[in-house]
Every structure is written in C-alpha cells, then in structure tokens.
Amino acid sequence: MLDLPLLSLVIWIPILGGVAVLAVGKYSDDDNVTRWLSLAVSVLAFLVSIPLFAAFDTTTANMQFVEQTPWIPFLNIYYYLGVDGISMPLILLTTFFTVIVVIAGWEVIKEKVAQYMACFLIMEGLMVGVFSALDGALFYVFWECMLIPMFLIIGIWGGPRRVYATLKFFLYTFFGSVLLLIALIYLYIQAGSFSILDFHALPLDMTTQVFIFLAFFTGFAVKVPMWPVHTWLPDAHVEAPTGGSVILAAMMLKMGAYGFIRFMLPITPDASAELDWLILGMSVFAIVYIALVAMVQDDMKKLIAYSSIAHMGFVTMGFFLVFSILRNTESIQGAAIGVEGALVQMISHGLISGALFLCVGVMYDRLHSRSISAYGGVANKMPVFAGLMVLFAMANTGLPGTSGFVGEFFVILAAFKSNFWLATLTATTLIMGAAYTLWMVKRVLFGEVTNEGVAGLEDLNKRETWMLGTLAVLVIALGCYPAPLVDVFHATVDNLLIHVTTSKL
C-alpha cells in the first residue's frame, strides 16, 4: 500500500463515495442502501489512512507520503500533498470520526438520508485535504470548500434557528477567509510559488510580518474560535444535528489551531515573538471568561460548546508560550513541552467533546430536549450510559488517567517555565471547568427521577454502546499511555522550534 498515493486516496475516496451515495439515493427508495454504502465508504477511508500512522517515520521532520503534480502550471500552482508529525494524527482523527458520525445518524436521520451522509463524506475528504495540502492555493480551496457541507448540514437538518446560525457561521468564517487569501497572495508574489514550505523560507521584515501575522490571526482565530470572535460557535452547535456538532467540535475547530502552527509560527516568527502577549492574554481571558459563561447555561449543547472554546484556549496558549520560555531559559526542550501539550490537547479535545455531544444526542433522541432542567435521575434508568458520560465529563475536567489531563498538564508545566502567575491563573481555571461540567452531570444524571419522560428512558442500544465505548477506550488509552502520540510529534516540533528561533530579520 505504501506505493499507492495514500493521501489522494484518503481525500478522494470519501468525496467520490459521497457523490456515489447521492446517486444511489436518487434512484433508490431504500435508505438502508445509502446508509450501508456510506458506512462502507467511511470505513474504507479510515482503513486506508491507518498506514499513514503505521509507516510514519518518527525520526524525521521531513514531509512524508509526498505527492506533487502540476495543477495550474502558468501560476506555479501544484496539487502538492504531504504530512508531518503535526498533520498526520489529525487526518486519522478525521477519518475515525466520520465513521462514528455515520453510525450516529443511522436511526436518527430519516429525511434526506443520502444527502446527509454524502455531506459528511465529502466534508471528510475536504478536511483531510486541509491537513495534507502543501500548496497555499490548494489549501485555500479545501479550506473554503469544506464550509459548504457544514453549511448545508446545519441549514437543512438543524434546529428552529438554523438559518440564523448558518448565516452567522458563514459571515464570520468568510470575513476571516478574505484576509487569509490576501496574505497567501502576497506571499505568492514574494516567493514566486504557492508552496507553503517556500513561504516558511521567505525573509520578511518586521512590518510585513506583523501585517501577515494579523491577517492569518484573523482567519484562523475565527475558526478556533478565540474570544471575541467565538459567538458563532454556540449558535452553530445548538442548531446543528448531533453529527454536525461532533464534527464541529472534534475536527473543524482544530483547523484554526492547525493554521497557527502551520502558517503563523514558521512564516512570521519575529512578529509572533513580538505579539505573543496578545495571544497569551486572549487565551487566558478566554479560559476564565468562557468558563464563567458556561456556568450559567441551561442548554447542554451550549455548555459543552463554551467548554470547547475554553479548552482550545489551552491549545493557543501552548503554541505561544514558546517565545517567553525561550527568552527565560533558552531551552528548546522546555518550549517543546508547551507545543506538544497543545497538540495532545487538540486530539484529546476532539475525542472528549465529540463523545459529550454524542451523549447529549443520545438523550435528545429519547426525550427531545437539551435543557438540563428537563432531566434528573437519568442514572437510575440508564446506568451504562451514565457511567460513560461521567467518564467523559471527568476527562473534560482533566482527571488524571484520561486524555484530558495529559495535554493540559503539559501546557501548565510549560506555563510555569514562562511565568509563575500566568501558570497559577491557568491552573486555577481548571477548578472552574470542573465546576460547570460536574454541575451539569449532577443535575442530569443523579438524584431522584424528576419526570415521566426520564422514567421512560431506556439504556444504550448496541449501536450507541459501540460508539461511546470506543471513544471511552481511546480516552483512557491516551490518558494512561500518550507516548505513541507524543513520539509522532517530537521531531516535527523540534524542527519547528529551531526554525522559529532563527530570526528572518
């Protein structure tokens, strides 16, 4: 298989499979045919992506599984793909969660089943394209096109305010994307190509770096999302169907963080060092402020959405602690702890937040309410479900032994190497995260059964047990033994830090 164009296969199998699902859905009245075809395509894409991990060389920072073919020769634009230790795990996470989402919508989606499944499959291929593109123009095409399926998923299968949520989602992301495109075009003019690796080598003066930094920051901060451009996310989550919320939290938020480490740090290292206080300040403020906002939410989806914003604050903080650590200790190893912690947090947050949204979906399918006040005593009727949800909630608070602890511990450890008071404030906010998460769990799962709806609940079926059980195993496995994942990051992160410490001025 290693002789095959694996990245192209992982991109185009789900895209072409999605088109096939649409065609089958048009000419077949049996929705089960489209469901099984969608599952087969998603499983195939996941299986094809596994050799990316199995054959990945962790000793080198070079791009691997590289494919390069002329696309628009007169503009020097290439169909140029490759992965390193940062992007490869995100591709695996994307293909894995698409299988989960197809299974999650198996019985729930009853209208336009073929179109629903096709949207997720096509979006999967486009997201893999974002993580593997090494040409700026190709990256931008994938980046913009993957918004279309999500727009349709929220707009067609979403809740009562889905039109408002989709328009807000589109306007926020479109504004950021315009500035991103301007920055890419400027870099193309300077480098003579759209190669992202050529962008990394450009000698840019400080003024130019600052403008490019701000353009990139605007485009990627919206997607993370960082405060104060975060307000589209809770609305999108509340109105999206369960599968849409899972992909939003597990994958789409990671694209903004991926942009920070693929574009901002290596292309504008001097501006990043000069403006690191801005990102660190916004990250800490987001962790504190968003935690306070989450505490007053009654809608479970909205609470988990705000929780996602706070947890992604740890990611952006881990990336930009690099410069203050290097100023204080000149230790690349110390700085690497923060970056690797942020990368682990990206993977962990995908697993945990995706699982929590699936838990909310399980309850919503039975009681048709996301309000915390509509529940109470669920553990009495759904003990297996309650056990799994408690596990994911504890992982969300950073319980040792779960994946939620590893990334946040690394970032806080790096923060202590940067600034004692910054680290203390960041660590203290973990208590706030535990407060709103456990408050939700207490009111929803424990106590006496509060109403007839809860009294009639049935525990997980085999399909739901498989979904949540698989995620539980991964959360515990990564929490107890994160070494295989961290080993993938090492060489790439060390190479990145050597690059960012070499001034372009």
Protein backbone atom coordinates (compact mmCIF):
# COMPACT_ATOMS: atom_id res chain seq x y z
CA MET A 1 0.00 0.00 0.00
CA LEU A 2 2.91 2.36 0.63
CA ASP A 3 3.47 2.59 -3.14
CA LEU A 4 -0.04 3.97 -3.55
CA PRO A 5 -0.88 7.70 -3.35
CA LEU A 6 -2.32 7.27 0.14
CA LEU A 7 -3.14 10.92 0.78
CA SER A 8 -5.03 11.25 -2.51
CA LEU A 9 -6.92 8.06 -1.72
CA VAL A 10 -7.92 9.33 1.73
CA ILE A 11 -9.09 12.60 0.16
CA TRP A 12 -10.91 11.28 -2.88
CA ILE A 13 -12.42 8.01 -1.62
CA PRO A 14 -14.90 9.84 0.64
CA ILE A 15 -15.52 12.65 -1.88
CA LEU A 16 -16.28 10.27 -4.75
CA GLY A 17 -18.06 7.97 -2.30
CA GLY A 18 -20.27 10.88 -1.28
CA VAL A 19 -21.15 11.51 -4.92
CA ALA A 20 -21.96 7.80 -5.29
CA VAL A 21 -24.20 7.95 -2.20
CA LEU A 22 -26.08 10.88 -3.74
CA ALA A 23 -26.56 8.95 -6.97
CA VAL A 24 -27.76 5.81 -5.19
CA GLY A 25 -30.10 7.87 -3.03
CA LYS A 26 -31.62 9.47 -6.11
CA TYR A 27 -32.52 6.16 -7.75
CA SER A 28 -33.23 4.02 -4.67
CA ASP A 29 -36.13 4.32 -2.25
CA ASP A 30 -34.38 2.16 0.34
CA ASP A 31 -32.49 4.42 2.75
CA ASN A 32 -30.70 1.42 4.22
CA VAL A 33 -28.79 1.03 0.95
CA THR A 34 -27.38 4.55 1.27
CA ARG A 35 -26.62 4.01 4.95
CA TRP A 36 -24.63 0.85 4.30
CA LEU A 37 -22.83 2.41 1.33
CA SER A 38 -21.92 5.44 3.45
CA LEU A 39 -20.60 3.21 6.21
CA ALA A 40 -18.58 1.16 3.73
CA VAL A 41 -17.01 4.30 2.22
CA SER A 42 -16.17 5.83 5.61
CA VAL A 43 -14.67 2.58 6.91
CA LEU A 44 -12.62 2.20 3.71
CA ALA A 45 -11.24 5.74 4.06
CA PHE A 46 -10.34 5.03 7.69
CA LEU A 47 -8.59 1.77 6.80
CA VAL A 48 -6.61 3.48 4.02
CA SER A 49 -5.49 6.18 6.49
CA ILE A 50 -4.09 3.68 9.01
CA PRO A 51 -0.84 3.04 7.02
CA LEU A 52 -0.09 6.77 7.40
CA PHE A 53 0.45 6.04 11.09
CA ALA A 54 1.84 2.53 10.77
CA ALA A 55 4.57 3.51 8.28
CA PHE A 56 5.25 7.01 9.64
CA ASP A 57 8.93 7.71 10.33
CA THR A 58 9.05 9.45 13.73
CA THR A 59 12.78 10.21 13.47
CA THR A 60 12.48 12.85 10.75
CA ALA A 61 10.74 16.20 10.42
CA ASN A 62 10.56 15.94 6.63
CA MET A 63 7.20 15.78 4.88
CA GLN A 64 6.20 12.18 4.20
CA PHE A 65 3.88 10.47 1.66
CA VAL A 66 4.54 13.46 -0.62
CA GLU A 67 2.63 13.82 -3.89
CA GLN A 68 3.27 16.68 -6.32
CA THR A 69 1.62 17.19 -9.70
CA PRO A 70 1.23 20.42 -11.73
CA TRP A 71 -2.30 21.79 -11.34
CA ILE A 72 -2.23 25.33 -12.80
CA PRO A 73 1.29 25.49 -14.28
CA PHE A 74 1.29 29.09 -15.51
CA LEU A 75 0.63 30.26 -11.93
CA ASN A 76 3.07 27.72 -10.47
CA ILE A 77 0.26 26.06 -8.52
CA TYR A 78 0.61 22.36 -7.72
CA TYR A 79 -1.52 19.55 -6.43
CA TYR A 80 1.02 19.18 -3.62
CA LEU A 81 0.33 16.93 -0.63
CA GLY A 82 2.38 15.70 2.34
CA VAL A 83 2.15 15.14 6.07
CA ASP A 84 4.40 15.51 9.09
CA GLY A 85 4.03 14.70 12.78
CA ILE A 86 1.55 17.53 13.27
CA SER A 87 -0.90 16.84 10.44
CA MET A 88 -0.89 13.04 10.27
CA PRO A 89 -2.71 12.42 13.62
CA LEU A 90 -5.37 14.98 12.64
CA ILE A 91 -6.06 13.05 9.43
CA LEU A 92 -6.55 9.84 11.41
CA LEU A 93 -8.90 11.65 13.79
CA THR A 94 -10.91 12.95 10.82
CA THR A 95 -11.37 9.55 9.18
CA PHE A 96 -12.21 7.91 12.53
CA PHE A 97 -14.87 10.44 13.48
CA THR A 98 -16.55 10.22 10.09
CA VAL A 99 -17.22 6.53 10.77
CA ILE A 100 -18.64 7.50 14.19
CA VAL A 101 -20.88 10.19 12.69
CA VAL A 102 -22.27 7.87 10.01
CA ILE A 103 -23.18 5.33 12.71
CA ALA A 104 -24.59 8.07 14.98
CA GLY A 105 -27.05 9.18 12.29
CA TRP A 106 -28.08 5.63 11.34
CA GLU A 107 -31.50 5.63 13.00
CA VAL A 108 -31.84 9.30 13.83
CA ILE A 109 -31.80 10.81 10.33
CA LYS A 110 -34.97 9.81 8.48
CA GLU A 111 -35.31 12.58 5.88
CA LYS A 112 -32.87 13.12 3.00
CA VAL A 113 -30.63 10.35 4.32
CA ALA A 114 -28.47 10.17 1.18
CA GLN A 115 -27.82 13.91 1.17
CA TYR A 116 -26.97 13.89 4.90
CA MET A 117 -24.46 11.07 4.60
CA ALA A 118 -22.97 12.50 1.40
CA CYS A 119 -22.35 15.85 3.09
CA PHE A 120 -20.28 14.22 5.81
CA LEU A 121 -18.33 12.05 3.39
CA ILE A 122 -17.49 14.95 1.08
CA MET A 123 -16.58 17.13 4.06
CA GLU A 124 -14.27 14.37 5.32
CA GLY A 125 -12.25 14.40 2.10
CA LEU A 126 -12.04 18.19 2.11
CA MET A 127 -10.87 18.30 5.75
CA VAL A 128 -8.17 15.73 5.02
CA GLY A 129 -7.16 17.99 2.12
CA VAL A 130 -6.75 20.92 4.51
CA PHE A 131 -4.43 18.92 6.76
CA SER A 132 -2.33 17.50 3.91
CA ALA A 133 -2.11 20.40 1.41
CA LEU A 134 1.40 21.82 0.96
CA ASP A 135 0.35 24.33 -1.71
CA GLY A 136 -1.25 27.52 -0.41
CA ALA A 137 -3.80 27.75 -3.23
CA LEU A 138 -4.78 24.10 -2.80
CA PHE A 139 -5.04 24.63 0.96
CA TYR A 140 -7.35 27.61 0.45
CA VAL A 141 -9.60 25.68 -1.94
CA PHE A 142 -10.01 22.85 0.56
CA TRP A 143 -10.37 25.35 3.42
CA GLU A 144 -13.27 27.16 1.75
CA CYS A 145 -15.00 24.18 0.15
CA MET A 146 -15.29 22.23 3.39
CA LEU A 147 -17.52 25.00 4.78
CA ILE A 148 -20.21 24.21 2.19
CA PRO A 149 -21.19 20.74 3.52
CA MET A 150 -21.30 22.04 7.10
CA PHE A 151 -23.43 24.99 5.97
CA LEU A 152 -25.88 22.51 4.43
CA ILE A 153 -25.83 20.16 7.42
CA ILE A 154 -26.80 22.93 9.84
CA GLY A 155 -29.15 24.67 7.40
CA ILE A 156 -31.14 21.58 6.37
CA TRP A 157 -31.06 19.22 9.36
CA GLY A 158 -30.62 21.84 12.10
CA GLY A 159 -32.97 23.23 14.71
CA PRO A 160 -35.57 26.02 14.59
CA ARG A 161 -32.98 28.83 14.31
CA ARG A 162 -30.81 27.02 11.78
CA VAL A 163 -30.96 29.78 9.14
CA TYR A 164 -29.68 32.36 11.62
CA ALA A 165 -26.93 30.00 12.80
CA THR A 166 -25.77 29.16 9.27
CA LEU A 167 -25.65 32.78 8.15
CA LYS A 168 -23.69 33.76 11.25
CA PHE A 169 -21.34 30.83 10.72
CA PHE A 170 -20.81 31.81 7.07
CA LEU A 171 -20.28 35.54 7.69
CA TYR A 172 -17.73 35.05 10.46
CA THR A 173 -15.71 32.46 8.56
CA PHE A 174 -15.94 34.35 5.24
CA PHE A 175 -14.56 37.56 6.75
CA GLY A 176 -11.58 35.70 8.17
CA SER A 177 -11.02 33.81 4.93
CA VAL A 178 -10.79 37.01 2.86
CA LEU A 179 -7.83 38.26 4.93
CA LEU A 180 -6.27 34.79 4.78
CA LEU A 181 -6.47 34.86 0.98
CA ILE A 182 -4.87 38.32 0.81
CA ALA A 183 -1.94 37.09 2.91
CA LEU A 184 -1.49 34.00 0.74
CA ILE A 185 -1.49 36.06 -2.46
CA TYR A 186 1.14 38.43 -1.03
CA LEU A 187 3.36 35.52 -0.04
CA TYR A 188 2.91 34.02 -3.52
CA ILE A 189 4.11 37.25 -5.10
CA GLN A 190 7.18 37.25 -2.85
CA ALA A 191 8.03 33.55 -3.20
CA GLY A 192 7.04 33.02 -6.83
CA SER A 193 5.05 29.93 -5.86
CA PHE A 194 2.26 28.88 -3.53
CA SER A 195 4.41 26.24 -1.80
CA ILE A 196 3.88 26.53 1.95
CA LEU A 197 7.43 25.30 2.53
CA ASP A 198 8.69 28.15 0.31
CA PHE A 199 6.63 30.56 2.42
CA HIS A 200 8.48 29.29 5.51
CA ALA A 201 11.83 30.28 3.98
CA LEU A 202 10.87 33.83 2.98
CA PRO A 203 12.99 36.60 4.61
CA LEU A 204 10.30 39.08 5.68
CA ASP A 205 10.87 42.37 7.52
CA MET A 206 9.09 43.05 10.80
CA THR A 207 6.40 45.34 9.38
CA THR A 208 5.47 42.81 6.72
CA GLN A 209 5.46 40.01 9.27
CA VAL A 210 3.12 41.94 11.55
CA PHE A 211 0.59 42.56 8.76
CA ILE A 212 0.72 38.93 7.62
CA PHE A 213 0.51 37.76 11.24
CA LEU A 214 -2.65 39.83 11.80
CA ALA A 215 -4.21 38.59 8.55
CA PHE A 216 -3.51 34.97 9.43
CA PHE A 217 -4.60 35.53 13.01
CA THR A 218 -7.97 36.87 11.92
CA GLY A 219 -8.57 33.97 9.54
CA PHE A 220 -7.54 31.24 11.96
CA ALA A 221 -8.80 32.77 15.23
CA VAL A 222 -12.37 32.72 13.90
CA LYS A 223 -12.10 29.01 13.27
CA VAL A 224 -10.53 28.09 16.68
CA PRO A 225 -12.59 30.14 17.79
CA MET A 226 -10.88 32.63 20.09
CA TRP A 227 -12.55 35.34 22.11
CA PRO A 228 -14.06 37.71 20.94
CA VAL A 229 -14.85 36.08 17.56
CA HIS A 230 -16.31 32.99 19.21
CA THR A 231 -20.00 33.87 19.27
CA TRP A 232 -20.89 31.91 16.12
CA LEU A 233 -19.92 28.58 17.72
CA PRO A 234 -22.59 28.19 20.44
CA ASP A 235 -25.34 29.05 17.95
CA ALA A 236 -23.95 26.62 15.37
CA HIS A 237 -23.70 23.83 17.94
CA VAL A 238 -27.18 24.35 19.35
CA GLU A 239 -28.83 24.31 15.93
CA ALA A 240 -26.68 21.60 14.31
CA PRO A 241 -27.76 17.95 14.36
CA THR A 242 -25.69 15.70 16.61
CA GLY A 243 -23.33 14.64 13.80
CA GLY A 244 -22.73 18.25 12.85
CA SER A 245 -21.87 19.19 16.44
CA VAL A 246 -19.48 16.24 16.71
CA ILE A 247 -17.54 17.21 13.57
CA LEU A 248 -17.57 20.90 14.50
CA ALA A 249 -16.04 20.20 17.91
CA ALA A 250 -13.83 17.24 17.04
CA MET A 251 -12.37 18.47 13.74
CA MET A 252 -13.31 21.91 12.44
CA LEU A 253 -12.03 23.79 15.49
CA LYS A 254 -8.69 22.04 15.06
CA MET A 255 -8.25 23.63 11.63
CA GLY A 256 -7.82 27.08 13.14
CA ALA A 257 -5.19 25.79 15.57
CA TYR A 258 -3.52 23.90 12.73
CA GLY A 259 -3.28 27.17 10.80
CA PHE A 260 -1.48 28.79 13.75
CA ILE A 261 1.26 26.16 13.79
CA ARG A 262 1.49 25.57 10.01
CA PHE A 263 1.42 29.23 8.91
CA MET A 264 1.78 31.83 11.67
CA LEU A 265 4.67 30.47 13.72
CA PRO A 266 7.00 29.40 10.88
CA ILE A 267 6.19 32.23 8.41
CA THR A 268 6.10 35.14 10.89
CA PRO A 269 8.32 34.03 13.81
CA ASP A 270 9.54 37.52 14.69
CA ALA A 271 6.04 39.01 14.70
CA SER A 272 4.83 36.00 16.70
CA ALA A 273 7.56 36.62 19.29
CA GLU A 274 6.72 40.32 19.41
CA LEU A 275 2.95 39.78 19.73
CA ASP A 276 2.91 36.61 21.82
CA TRP A 277 1.49 38.64 24.74
CA LEU A 278 -1.64 39.29 22.66
CA ILE A 279 -2.34 35.60 22.03
CA LEU A 280 -1.46 34.58 25.59
CA GLY A 281 -3.69 37.30 27.03
CA MET A 282 -6.63 36.38 24.81
CA SER A 283 -6.13 32.68 25.60
CA VAL A 284 -6.13 33.17 29.37
CA PHE A 285 -9.07 35.56 29.18
CA ALA A 286 -10.98 33.00 27.09
CA ILE A 287 -10.26 30.21 29.58
CA VAL A 288 -11.53 32.34 32.50
CA TYR A 289 -14.37 34.29 30.89
CA ILE A 290 -15.81 31.44 28.85
CA ALA A 291 -15.77 29.18 31.92
CA LEU A 292 -17.90 31.75 33.74
CA VAL A 293 -20.31 31.93 30.80
CA ALA A 294 -20.55 28.14 30.69
CA MET A 295 -21.57 28.03 34.35
CA VAL A 296 -24.88 29.81 33.67
CA GLN A 297 -26.01 27.74 30.67
CA ASP A 298 -29.08 25.52 30.87
CA ASP A 299 -28.71 24.06 27.37
CA MET A 300 -26.28 21.12 27.49
CA LYS A 301 -25.06 21.67 23.96
CA LYS A 302 -24.34 25.31 24.61
CA LEU A 303 -22.48 24.47 27.81
CA ILE A 304 -20.26 21.94 26.01
CA ALA A 305 -19.73 24.42 23.16
CA TYR A 306 -18.46 27.07 25.59
CA SER A 307 -16.34 24.39 27.23
CA SER A 308 -14.74 23.73 23.83
CA ILE A 309 -13.76 27.38 23.50
CA ALA A 310 -12.10 27.31 26.92
CA HIS A 311 -10.22 24.09 26.16
CA MET A 312 -9.00 25.43 22.83
CA GLY A 313 -7.55 28.33 24.81
CA PHE A 314 -5.04 25.84 26.20
CA VAL A 315 -4.06 24.97 22.62
CA THR A 316 -3.31 28.54 21.52
CA MET A 317 -1.56 29.21 24.82
CA GLY A 318 0.68 26.16 24.39
CA PHE A 319 1.75 27.32 20.94
CA PHE A 320 2.66 30.86 22.01
CA LEU A 321 4.34 30.05 25.32
CA VAL A 322 7.32 29.13 23.13
CA PHE A 323 8.77 32.62 22.95
CA SER A 324 8.58 33.57 26.63
CA ILE A 325 10.12 30.20 27.58
CA LEU A 326 12.95 30.72 25.11
CA ARG A 327 13.51 34.25 26.45
CA ASN A 328 13.65 32.93 30.04
CA THR A 329 15.53 29.65 29.65
CA GLU A 330 16.71 29.38 26.02
CA SER A 331 15.59 25.77 26.28
CA ILE A 332 14.03 24.31 23.14
CA GLN A 333 13.13 21.21 25.15
CA GLY A 334 11.16 23.33 27.63
CA ALA A 335 9.36 25.14 24.82
CA ALA A 336 8.57 21.81 23.13
CA ILE A 337 6.57 20.72 26.19
CA GLY A 338 4.05 23.51 25.59
CA VAL A 339 3.69 22.84 21.85
CA GLU A 340 3.40 19.08 22.29
CA GLY A 341 0.92 19.59 25.11
CA ALA A 342 -1.19 21.78 22.84
CA LEU A 343 -1.10 19.15 20.09
CA VAL A 344 -2.13 16.40 22.52
CA GLN A 345 -4.90 18.70 23.74
CA MET A 346 -6.17 19.05 20.16
CA ILE A 347 -6.51 15.28 19.78
CA SER A 348 -7.89 14.79 23.29
CA HIS A 349 -10.42 17.57 22.96
CA GLY A 350 -11.65 16.02 19.73
CA LEU A 351 -12.30 12.71 21.47
CA ILE A 352 -13.86 14.16 24.63
CA SER A 353 -16.02 16.89 23.11
CA GLY A 354 -17.17 14.58 20.33
CA ALA A 355 -18.16 12.00 22.96
CA LEU A 356 -20.03 14.58 25.08
CA PHE A 357 -22.02 15.80 22.08
CA LEU A 358 -22.88 12.19 21.27
CA CYS A 359 -24.09 11.77 24.87
CA VAL A 360 -26.33 14.80 24.52
CA GLY A 361 -27.58 13.38 21.21
CA VAL A 362 -28.44 10.06 22.87
CA MET A 363 -30.61 11.85 25.44
CA TYR A 364 -32.14 14.20 22.88
CA ASP A 365 -33.18 11.28 20.68
CA ARG A 366 -35.17 9.88 23.61
CA LEU A 367 -36.57 12.99 25.29
CA HIS A 368 -36.27 15.65 22.56
CA SER A 369 -34.82 18.22 24.93
CA ARG A 370 -31.32 19.57 25.56
CA SER A 371 -32.30 21.53 28.64
CA ILE A 372 -30.59 20.48 31.86
CA SER A 373 -33.77 21.25 33.78
CA ALA A 374 -35.67 18.64 31.72
CA TYR A 375 -33.58 15.83 33.21
CA GLY A 376 -32.67 14.42 36.59
CA GLY A 377 -32.02 10.92 37.84
CA VAL A 378 -31.07 9.59 34.39
CA ALA A 379 -28.56 7.19 36.02
CA ASN A 380 -31.47 5.32 37.60
CA LYS A 381 -32.83 4.37 34.16
CA MET A 382 -29.64 4.39 32.03
CA PRO A 383 -26.77 3.16 34.23
CA VAL A 384 -24.42 2.16 31.38
CA PHE A 385 -24.93 5.50 29.65
CA ALA A 386 -24.45 7.35 32.94
CA GLY A 387 -21.15 5.57 33.59
CA LEU A 388 -19.80 6.52 30.18
CA MET A 389 -21.00 10.12 30.40
CA VAL A 390 -19.39 10.52 33.84
CA LEU A 391 -16.12 9.24 32.37
CA PHE A 392 -16.22 11.79 29.55
CA ALA A 393 -17.21 14.56 31.97
CA MET A 394 -14.29 13.73 34.27
CA ALA A 395 -11.98 13.66 31.26
CA ASN A 396 -13.33 17.10 30.35
CA THR A 397 -12.22 18.36 33.77
CA GLY A 398 -8.70 16.97 33.28
CA LEU A 399 -8.88 13.91 35.52
CA PRO A 400 -5.52 12.05 35.66
CA GLY A 401 -5.72 8.79 33.77
CA THR A 402 -7.76 10.35 30.98
CA SER A 403 -6.59 12.12 27.84
CA GLY A 404 -7.92 15.43 29.16
CA PHE A 405 -5.20 15.52 31.79
CA VAL A 406 -2.17 14.97 29.55
CA GLY A 407 -2.39 17.99 27.26
CA GLU A 408 -3.45 20.46 29.94
CA PHE A 409 -0.72 19.21 32.30
CA PHE A 410 1.92 19.74 29.61
CA VAL A 411 0.68 23.26 28.88
CA ILE A 412 0.53 24.24 32.56
CA LEU A 413 4.02 22.81 33.09
CA ALA A 414 5.27 24.91 30.18
CA ALA A 415 3.47 27.96 31.60
CA PHE A 416 5.44 27.60 34.84
CA LYS A 417 8.63 27.80 32.77
CA SER A 418 7.29 31.03 31.30
CA ASN A 419 5.62 32.92 34.15
CA PHE A 420 4.58 31.73 37.61
CA TRP A 421 1.48 33.91 37.86
CA LEU A 422 0.31 33.03 34.35
CA ALA A 423 0.63 29.34 35.20
CA THR A 424 -1.15 29.76 38.53
CA LEU A 425 -4.07 31.55 36.92
CA THR A 426 -4.30 28.96 34.17
CA ALA A 427 -4.18 26.04 36.63
CA THR A 428 -6.79 27.67 38.87
CA THR A 429 -9.24 27.88 35.99
CA LEU A 430 -9.31 24.08 35.87
CA ILE A 431 -11.45 24.30 39.01
CA MET A 432 -13.97 26.39 37.08
CA GLY A 433 -14.03 23.81 34.29
CA ALA A 434 -14.73 21.11 36.83
CA ALA A 435 -17.46 23.25 38.38
CA TYR A 436 -19.63 23.69 35.30
CA THR A 437 -19.05 20.16 33.99
CA LEU A 438 -19.85 18.42 37.27
CA TRP A 439 -22.78 20.77 37.88
CA MET A 440 -24.29 19.57 34.60
CA VAL A 441 -23.61 15.90 35.39
CA LYS A 442 -25.09 16.17 38.88
CA ARG A 443 -28.34 17.73 37.69
CA VAL A 444 -28.78 15.50 34.65
CA LEU A 445 -27.68 12.08 35.89
CA PHE A 446 -28.08 11.88 39.65
CA GLY A 447 -30.79 12.27 42.24
CA GLU A 448 -34.37 11.09 42.02
CA VAL A 449 -36.19 10.65 38.70
CA THR A 450 -37.82 14.03 38.16
CA ASN A 451 -40.46 13.45 35.48
CA GLU A 452 -42.31 10.84 33.43
CA GLY A 453 -40.05 11.39 30.42
CA VAL A 454 -36.96 10.36 32.37
CA ALA A 455 -38.87 7.48 33.96
CA GLY A 456 -39.49 6.03 30.49
CA LEU A 457 -35.88 6.18 29.29
CA GLU A 458 -34.14 3.06 28.01
CA ASP A 459 -30.42 2.40 28.27
CA LEU A 460 -27.98 2.33 25.35
CA ASN A 461 -28.58 0.03 22.41
CA LYS A 462 -25.73 -1.87 20.75
CA ARG A 463 -25.04 0.87 18.21
CA GLU A 464 -24.77 3.58 20.87
CA THR A 465 -22.73 1.34 23.19
CA TRP A 466 -20.23 0.67 20.41
CA MET A 467 -19.84 4.39 19.61
CA LEU A 468 -19.40 5.64 23.16
CA GLY A 469 -17.46 2.57 24.31
CA THR A 470 -14.87 3.00 21.55
CA LEU A 471 -14.35 6.64 22.47
CA ALA A 472 -14.08 5.71 26.17
CA VAL A 473 -11.31 3.22 25.38
CA LEU A 474 -9.40 5.83 23.39
CA VAL A 475 -9.78 8.49 26.10
CA ILE A 476 -8.39 6.15 28.75
CA ALA A 477 -5.67 4.72 26.49
CA LEU A 478 -4.35 8.17 25.57
CA GLY A 479 -4.56 9.26 29.21
CA CYS A 480 -2.61 6.26 30.50
CA TYR A 481 -0.11 5.90 27.65
CA PRO A 482 0.29 9.02 25.47
CA ALA A 483 3.83 8.09 24.35
CA PRO A 484 2.93 6.75 20.86
CA LEU A 485 1.19 10.02 20.03
CA VAL A 486 3.84 12.27 21.60
CA ASP A 487 6.60 10.35 19.78
CA VAL A 488 4.94 11.28 16.47
CA PHE A 489 5.16 14.97 17.39
CA HIS A 490 8.78 15.11 18.65
CA ALA A 491 10.87 15.52 15.51
CA THR A 492 8.43 17.91 13.82
CA VAL A 493 8.06 20.11 16.91
CA ASP A 494 11.83 20.28 17.48
CA ASN A 495 12.35 21.27 13.84
CA LEU A 496 9.63 23.92 14.13
CA LEU A 497 11.21 25.41 17.25
CA ILE A 498 14.65 25.55 15.64
CA HIS A 499 13.01 27.33 12.70
CA VAL A 500 11.10 29.91 14.80
CA THR A 501 14.20 30.74 16.85
CA THR A 502 16.06 31.65 13.66
CA SER A 503 15.08 35.27 13.01
CA LYS A 504 14.13 36.26 9.47
CA LEU A 505 15.37 39.83 10.07
